[in-house]
């Protein structure tokens, strides 16, 4: 199993809820996703990262399929990249 964790810093906080909503909708569109959740950060230890996502898939190949899937790319290009200040990604096998 592969865990995919992404933390986001946005320049426009008003766009965060829309990005979270669209990221959470990807599970219904991309069959390689076993589990996915995105939400806003409430920790005071977040070092400025305002929201994040966690995705579980079966293999590195499934992670690559997710990364290049048109539904994922649409969210990235329309709802993430225009507002991103910083992104931190962590992928690991469990």
N, C-alpha and C. Protein backbone atom coordinates (compact mmCIF):
# COMPACT_ATOMS: atom_id res chain seq x y z
N UNK A 1 0.83 -1.18 0.00
CA UNK A 1 0.00 0.00 0.00
C UNK A 1 0.88 1.25 0.00
N UNK A 2 0.41 2.27 -0.67
CA UNK A 2 1.12 3.55 -0.77
C UNK A 2 0.28 4.63 -0.10
N UNK A 3 0.91 5.37 0.80
CA UNK A 3 0.30 6.55 1.41
C UNK A 3 0.87 7.77 0.69
N UNK A 4 -0.02 8.65 0.29
CA UNK A 4 0.34 9.90 -0.40
C UNK A 4 -0.20 11.03 0.48
N UNK A 5 0.70 11.84 1.01
CA UNK A 5 0.33 12.93 1.92
C UNK A 5 0.81 14.24 1.31
N UNK A 6 -0.07 15.24 1.24
CA UNK A 6 0.29 16.54 0.66
C UNK A 6 -0.19 17.64 1.61
N UNK A 7 0.69 18.58 1.90
CA UNK A 7 0.35 19.76 2.71
C UNK A 7 0.43 20.98 1.81
N UNK A 8 -0.49 21.91 2.01
CA UNK A 8 -0.60 23.08 1.14
C UNK A 8 -0.57 24.39 1.93
N UNK A 9 0.11 25.38 1.36
CA UNK A 9 0.01 26.78 1.78
C UNK A 9 -0.57 27.54 0.60
N UNK A 10 -1.63 28.30 0.85
CA UNK A 10 -2.30 29.07 -0.20
C UNK A 10 -2.13 30.56 0.04
N UNK A 11 -2.06 31.30 -1.03
CA UNK A 11 -2.00 32.77 -0.95
C UNK A 11 -3.38 33.36 -0.71
N UNK A 12 -4.43 32.65 -1.10
CA UNK A 12 -5.80 33.12 -0.95
C UNK A 12 -6.57 32.12 -0.11
N UNK A 13 -6.75 32.42 1.17
CA UNK A 13 -7.42 31.49 2.08
C UNK A 13 -8.87 31.23 1.68
N UNK A 14 -9.48 32.15 0.96
CA UNK A 14 -10.87 31.97 0.53
C UNK A 14 -11.01 30.82 -0.47
N UNK A 15 -9.92 30.38 -1.08
CA UNK A 15 -9.97 29.31 -2.07
C UNK A 15 -9.75 27.92 -1.47
N UNK A 16 -9.44 27.86 -0.18
CA UNK A 16 -9.10 26.58 0.45
C UNK A 16 -10.30 25.64 0.48
N UNK A 17 -11.46 26.10 0.91
CA UNK A 17 -12.60 25.19 1.03
C UNK A 17 -13.00 24.59 -0.32
N UNK A 18 -12.90 25.35 -1.38
CA UNK A 18 -13.20 24.84 -2.71
C UNK A 18 -12.19 23.76 -3.11
N UNK A 19 -10.91 24.00 -2.84
CA UNK A 19 -9.88 23.01 -3.17
C UNK A 19 -10.10 21.73 -2.37
N UNK A 20 -10.41 21.85 -1.09
CA UNK A 20 -10.67 20.68 -0.26
C UNK A 20 -11.86 19.88 -0.80
N UNK A 21 -12.92 20.57 -1.15
CA UNK A 21 -14.11 19.92 -1.69
C UNK A 21 -13.79 19.16 -2.98
N UNK A 22 -13.07 19.80 -3.87
CA UNK A 22 -12.75 19.16 -5.16
C UNK A 22 -11.77 18.00 -4.99
N UNK A 23 -10.83 18.12 -4.05
CA UNK A 23 -9.92 17.00 -3.79
C UNK A 23 -10.68 15.81 -3.22
N UNK A 24 -11.59 16.06 -2.29
CA UNK A 24 -12.37 14.96 -1.72
C UNK A 24 -13.24 14.28 -2.77
N UNK A 25 -13.65 14.99 -3.79
CA UNK A 25 -14.49 14.41 -4.85
C UNK A 25 -13.72 13.48 -5.79
N UNK A 26 -12.40 13.52 -5.74
CA UNK A 26 -11.61 12.70 -6.66
C UNK A 26 -11.78 11.20 -6.42
N UNK A 27 -12.07 10.80 -5.19
CA UNK A 27 -12.24 9.37 -4.91
C UNK A 27 -13.31 8.74 -5.80
N UNK A 28 -14.36 9.48 -6.08
CA UNK A 28 -15.44 8.96 -6.92
C UNK A 28 -15.08 8.94 -8.41
N UNK A 29 -14.00 9.62 -8.77
CA UNK A 29 -13.63 9.75 -10.18
C UNK A 29 -12.42 8.91 -10.59
N UNK A 30 -11.61 8.51 -9.62
CA UNK A 30 -10.36 7.81 -9.93
C UNK A 30 -10.37 6.46 -9.21
N UNK A 31 -10.54 5.37 -9.94
CA UNK A 31 -10.71 4.06 -9.31
C UNK A 31 -9.49 3.57 -8.52
N UNK A 32 -8.31 4.09 -8.80
CA UNK A 32 -7.11 3.64 -8.10
C UNK A 32 -7.06 4.13 -6.64
N UNK A 33 -7.89 5.10 -6.29
CA UNK A 33 -7.91 5.63 -4.93
C UNK A 33 -8.70 4.67 -4.04
N UNK A 34 -8.04 4.15 -3.01
CA UNK A 34 -8.71 3.30 -2.03
C UNK A 34 -9.37 4.17 -0.96
N UNK A 35 -8.61 5.11 -0.44
CA UNK A 35 -9.10 6.07 0.55
C UNK A 35 -8.55 7.44 0.22
N UNK A 36 -9.34 8.46 0.50
CA UNK A 36 -8.84 9.82 0.32
C UNK A 36 -9.59 10.74 1.26
N UNK A 37 -8.86 11.63 1.91
CA UNK A 37 -9.49 12.66 2.72
C UNK A 37 -8.64 13.92 2.65
N UNK A 38 -9.33 15.04 2.58
CA UNK A 38 -8.67 16.35 2.58
C UNK A 38 -9.41 17.22 3.58
N UNK A 39 -8.67 18.11 4.24
CA UNK A 39 -9.30 18.99 5.21
C UNK A 39 -8.39 20.12 5.62
N UNK A 40 -8.98 21.08 6.32
CA UNK A 40 -8.21 22.24 6.77
C UNK A 40 -7.50 21.93 8.08
N UNK A 41 -6.37 22.56 8.26
CA UNK A 41 -5.51 22.36 9.42
C UNK A 41 -6.01 23.20 10.60
N UNK A 42 -6.09 22.60 11.77
CA UNK A 42 -6.44 23.36 12.97
C UNK A 42 -5.30 23.35 13.99
N UNK A 43 -4.20 22.70 13.66
CA UNK A 43 -3.07 22.63 14.57
C UNK A 43 -2.27 23.92 14.58
N UNK A 44 -1.75 24.28 15.72
CA UNK A 44 -0.86 25.44 15.80
C UNK A 44 0.58 25.05 15.48
N UNK A 45 0.80 23.80 15.09
CA UNK A 45 2.15 23.32 14.75
C UNK A 45 2.31 23.10 13.25
N UNK A 46 1.41 23.63 12.45
CA UNK A 46 1.38 23.38 11.01
C UNK A 46 2.39 24.14 10.18
N UNK A 47 3.19 25.00 10.80
CA UNK A 47 4.23 25.76 10.11
C UNK A 47 3.71 26.50 8.88
N UNK A 48 2.48 26.99 8.99
CA UNK A 48 1.90 27.77 7.90
C UNK A 48 1.12 26.96 6.87
N UNK A 49 1.20 25.64 6.94
CA UNK A 49 0.43 24.81 6.01
C UNK A 49 -1.03 24.83 6.47
N UNK A 50 -1.91 25.21 5.56
CA UNK A 50 -3.30 25.49 5.91
C UNK A 50 -4.25 24.31 5.71
N UNK A 51 -3.89 23.40 4.81
CA UNK A 51 -4.73 22.21 4.61
C UNK A 51 -3.90 21.10 4.00
N UNK A 52 -4.47 19.91 4.02
CA UNK A 52 -3.73 18.78 3.49
C UNK A 52 -4.65 17.69 3.00
N UNK A 53 -4.03 16.70 2.38
CA UNK A 53 -4.77 15.53 1.95
C UNK A 53 -3.95 14.29 2.21
N UNK A 54 -4.67 13.19 2.36
CA UNK A 54 -4.07 11.88 2.51
C UNK A 54 -4.81 10.94 1.58
N UNK A 55 -4.03 10.20 0.78
CA UNK A 55 -4.61 9.28 -0.18
C UNK A 55 -3.91 7.94 -0.04
N UNK A 56 -4.69 6.88 -0.14
CA UNK A 56 -4.16 5.52 -0.08
C UNK A 56 -4.47 4.82 -1.39
N UNK A 57 -3.44 4.17 -1.96
CA UNK A 57 -3.62 3.36 -3.16
C UNK A 57 -2.78 2.09 -3.02
N UNK A 58 -2.94 1.17 -3.94
CA UNK A 58 -2.30 -0.14 -3.80
C UNK A 58 -0.82 -0.17 -4.20
N UNK A 59 -0.41 0.65 -5.16
CA UNK A 59 0.94 0.51 -5.70
C UNK A 59 1.48 1.85 -6.20
N UNK A 60 2.76 1.86 -6.49
CA UNK A 60 3.38 3.05 -7.08
C UNK A 60 2.78 3.33 -8.47
N UNK A 61 2.42 2.28 -9.17
CA UNK A 61 1.79 2.45 -10.48
C UNK A 61 0.42 3.12 -10.34
N UNK A 62 -0.33 2.72 -9.33
CA UNK A 62 -1.62 3.37 -9.08
C UNK A 62 -1.43 4.84 -8.69
N UNK A 63 -0.39 5.13 -7.94
CA UNK A 63 -0.09 6.52 -7.58
C UNK A 63 0.21 7.33 -8.84
N UNK A 64 0.96 6.75 -9.76
CA UNK A 64 1.28 7.44 -11.01
C UNK A 64 0.02 7.64 -11.85
N UNK A 65 -0.85 6.65 -11.88
CA UNK A 65 -2.12 6.78 -12.61
C UNK A 65 -2.94 7.92 -12.02
N UNK A 66 -3.03 7.99 -10.70
CA UNK A 66 -3.72 9.08 -10.01
C UNK A 66 -3.10 10.43 -10.38
N UNK A 67 -1.77 10.51 -10.33
CA UNK A 67 -1.07 11.77 -10.58
C UNK A 67 -1.31 12.31 -11.98
N UNK A 68 -1.52 11.42 -12.94
CA UNK A 68 -1.69 11.85 -14.33
C UNK A 68 -3.14 11.76 -14.81
N UNK A 69 -4.04 11.40 -13.93
CA UNK A 69 -5.45 11.28 -14.29
C UNK A 69 -6.02 12.67 -14.62
N UNK A 70 -6.82 12.79 -15.68
CA UNK A 70 -7.37 14.10 -16.06
C UNK A 70 -8.17 14.79 -14.94
N UNK A 71 -8.89 14.04 -14.13
CA UNK A 71 -9.66 14.67 -13.05
C UNK A 71 -8.74 15.28 -12.00
N UNK A 72 -7.64 14.58 -11.70
CA UNK A 72 -6.65 15.12 -10.75
C UNK A 72 -5.96 16.35 -11.33
N UNK A 73 -5.55 16.25 -12.58
CA UNK A 73 -4.87 17.38 -13.22
C UNK A 73 -5.76 18.61 -13.31
N UNK A 74 -7.05 18.41 -13.51
CA UNK A 74 -7.98 19.54 -13.56
C UNK A 74 -8.00 20.28 -12.21
N UNK A 75 -8.07 19.54 -11.12
CA UNK A 75 -8.06 20.16 -9.78
C UNK A 75 -6.72 20.87 -9.54
N UNK A 76 -5.65 20.21 -9.90
CA UNK A 76 -4.32 20.80 -9.70
C UNK A 76 -4.21 22.13 -10.46
N UNK A 77 -4.59 22.13 -11.72
CA UNK A 77 -4.41 23.33 -12.55
C UNK A 77 -5.42 24.44 -12.26
N UNK A 78 -6.64 24.07 -11.86
CA UNK A 78 -7.67 25.09 -11.64
C UNK A 78 -7.78 25.54 -10.19
N UNK A 79 -7.52 24.64 -9.24
CA UNK A 79 -7.81 24.94 -7.85
C UNK A 79 -6.60 24.92 -6.92
N UNK A 80 -5.46 24.47 -7.39
CA UNK A 80 -4.26 24.41 -6.54
C UNK A 80 -3.18 25.38 -7.03
N UNK A 81 -2.68 25.15 -8.22
CA UNK A 81 -1.53 25.93 -8.70
C UNK A 81 -1.75 27.45 -8.72
N UNK A 82 -2.93 27.95 -9.09
CA UNK A 82 -3.08 29.41 -9.11
C UNK A 82 -2.95 30.07 -7.72
N UNK A 83 -3.12 29.29 -6.65
CA UNK A 83 -3.14 29.87 -5.31
C UNK A 83 -2.04 29.33 -4.40
N UNK A 84 -1.25 28.39 -4.87
CA UNK A 84 -0.27 27.75 -4.00
C UNK A 84 0.91 28.66 -3.72
N UNK A 85 1.27 28.70 -2.45
CA UNK A 85 2.52 29.33 -2.04
C UNK A 85 3.59 28.26 -1.84
N UNK A 86 3.16 27.12 -1.29
CA UNK A 86 4.10 26.04 -1.01
C UNK A 86 3.32 24.73 -0.93
N UNK A 87 4.00 23.66 -1.29
CA UNK A 87 3.44 22.32 -1.19
C UNK A 87 4.53 21.40 -0.65
N UNK A 88 4.13 20.52 0.23
CA UNK A 88 5.03 19.50 0.77
C UNK A 88 4.38 18.14 0.51
N UNK A 89 5.10 17.24 -0.16
CA UNK A 89 4.56 15.93 -0.51
C UNK A 89 5.41 14.85 0.15
N UNK A 90 4.72 13.84 0.68
CA UNK A 90 5.38 12.69 1.27
C UNK A 90 4.66 11.44 0.78
N UNK A 91 5.40 10.54 0.14
CA UNK A 91 4.87 9.28 -0.33
C UNK A 91 5.66 8.16 0.34
N UNK A 92 4.95 7.16 0.89
CA UNK A 92 5.66 6.05 1.51
C UNK A 92 4.84 4.77 1.41
N UNK A 93 5.58 3.64 1.47
CA UNK A 93 4.94 2.32 1.46
C UNK A 93 4.68 1.90 2.88
N UNK A 94 3.57 1.21 3.05
CA UNK A 94 3.31 0.66 4.39
C UNK A 94 3.02 -0.81 4.32
